[in-house]
C-alpha atoms as a PDB file:
ATOM      1  CA  MET A   1      -3.142   5.928  -7.652  1.00  0.00           C
ATOM      2  CA  GLU A   2      -2.779   9.653  -6.981  1.00  0.00           C
ATOM      3  CA  ARG A   3      -5.498   9.436  -4.348  1.00  0.00           C
ATOM      4  CA  TRP A   4      -3.312   7.033  -2.336  1.00  0.00           C
ATOM      5  CA  LEU A   5      -0.253   9.253  -2.616  1.00  0.00           C
ATOM      6  CA  ALA A   6      -2.062  12.536  -1.963  1.00  0.00           C
ATOM      7  CA  LYS A   7      -2.738  12.016   1.737  1.00  0.00           C
ATOM      8  CA  ALA A   8       0.864  11.721   2.891  1.00  0.00           C
ATOM      9  CA  ASP A   9       0.101  13.787   6.008  1.00  0.00           C
ATOM     10  CA  SER A  10      -2.386  11.255   7.310  1.00  0.00           C
ATOM     11  CA  HIS A  11      -0.316   8.177   6.517  1.00  0.00           C
ATOM     12  CA  PRO A  12       3.430   8.683   6.090  1.00  0.00           C
ATOM     13  CA  LEU A  13       4.819   7.201   2.893  1.00  0.00           C
ATOM     14  CA  ALA A  14       7.399   5.139   4.815  1.00  0.00           C
ATOM     15  CA  LYS A  15       4.562   3.469   6.729  1.00  0.00           C
ATOM     16  CA  ARG A  16       2.656   2.876   3.496  1.00  0.00           C
ATOM     17  CA  GLU A  17       5.733   1.262   1.988  1.00  0.00           C
ATOM     18  CA  THR A  18       6.000  -1.112   4.943  1.00  0.00           C
ATOM     19  CA  ASP A  19       2.287  -1.969   4.803  1.00  0.00           C
ATOM     20  CA  LEU A  20       2.333  -2.566   1.048  1.00  0.00           C
ATOM     21  CA  THR A  21       5.431  -4.735   1.326  1.00  0.00           C
ATOM     22  CA  LEU A  22       3.643  -6.896   3.893  1.00  0.00           C
ATOM     23  CA  LEU A  23       0.555  -7.118   1.694  1.00  0.00           C
ATOM     24  CA  LEU A  24       2.658  -8.217  -1.268  1.00  0.00           C
ATOM     25  CA  ALA A  25       4.284 -10.871   0.911  1.00  0.00           C
ATOM     26  CA  GLN A  26       0.705 -12.033   1.527  1.00  0.00           C
ATOM     27  CA  ASN A  27       1.092 -11.496   5.255  1.00  0.00           C
ATOM     28  CA  GLY A  28      -2.185 -12.605   6.821  1.00  0.00           C
ATOM     29  CA  GLU A  29      -2.074 -10.067   9.645  1.00  0.00           C
ATOM     30  CA  ALA A  30      -1.511  -7.205   7.200  1.00  0.00           C
ATOM     31  CA  TRP A  31      -4.457  -8.356   5.086  1.00  0.00           C
ATOM     32  CA  LYS A  32      -6.653  -8.430   8.205  1.00  0.00           C
ATOM     33  CA  LYS A  33      -5.629  -4.862   9.085  1.00  0.00           C
ATOM     34  CA  TYR A  34      -5.474  -3.247   5.649  1.00  0.00           C
ATOM     35  CA  GLY A  35      -7.169  -5.611   3.209  1.00  0.00           C
ATOM     36  CA  GLN A  36     -10.437  -3.701   3.192  1.00  0.00           C
ATOM     37  CA  PHE A  37      -8.616  -0.727   1.664  1.00  0.00           C
ATOM     38  CA  TYR A  38      -7.422  -2.871  -1.247  1.00  0.00           C
ATOM     39  CA  GLU A  39     -10.528  -4.950  -1.866  1.00  0.00           C
ATOM     40  CA  GLY A  40     -10.704  -5.776  -5.543  1.00  0.00           C
ATOM     41  CA  TRP A  41      -7.041  -4.924  -6.141  1.00  0.00           C
ATOM     42  CA  THR A  42      -4.704  -7.440  -7.752  1.00  0.00           C
ATOM     43  CA  LEU A  43      -1.239  -8.069  -6.354  1.00  0.00           C
ATOM     44  CA  GLU A  44       0.104  -6.400  -9.507  1.00  0.00           C
ATOM     45  CA  GLU A  45      -1.852  -3.234  -8.675  1.00  0.00           C
ATOM     46  CA  VAL A  46      -0.545  -3.274  -5.101  1.00  0.00           C
ATOM     47  CA  ALA A  47       2.988  -3.674  -6.488  1.00  0.00           C
ATOM     48  CA  GLU A  48       2.410  -0.713  -8.815  1.00  0.00           C
ATOM     49  CA  LEU A  49       1.259   1.382  -5.868  1.00  0.00           C
ATOM     50  CA  LEU A  50       4.331   0.324  -3.893  1.00  0.00           C
ATOM     51  CA  GLU A  51       6.546   1.493  -6.760  1.00  0.00           C
ATOM     52  CA  ALA A  52       4.709   4.829  -6.836  1.00  0.00           C
ATOM     53  CA  VAL A  53       5.085   5.246  -3.064  1.00  0.00           C
ATOM     54  CA  ARG A  54       8.811   4.521  -3.298  1.00  0.00           C
ATOM     55  CA  ALA A  55       9.184   7.027  -6.136  1.00  0.00           C
ATOM     56  CA  ALA A  56       7.327   9.704  -4.135  1.00  0.00           C
ATOM     57  CA  SER A  57       9.421   9.196  -0.985  1.00  0.00           C
END
């Protein structure tokens, strides 16, 4: 989890929040763009990451 939050300079947290929200909504386009980064993750794990991103913002 910390690995995803650590690189805020390369991927602003607000953008991550938007991307994660789309992934949780099971947006097909978002999964095409970003799914490879979350391969093997459950939706619960993505939701946990979203909560962590929101807390870090």
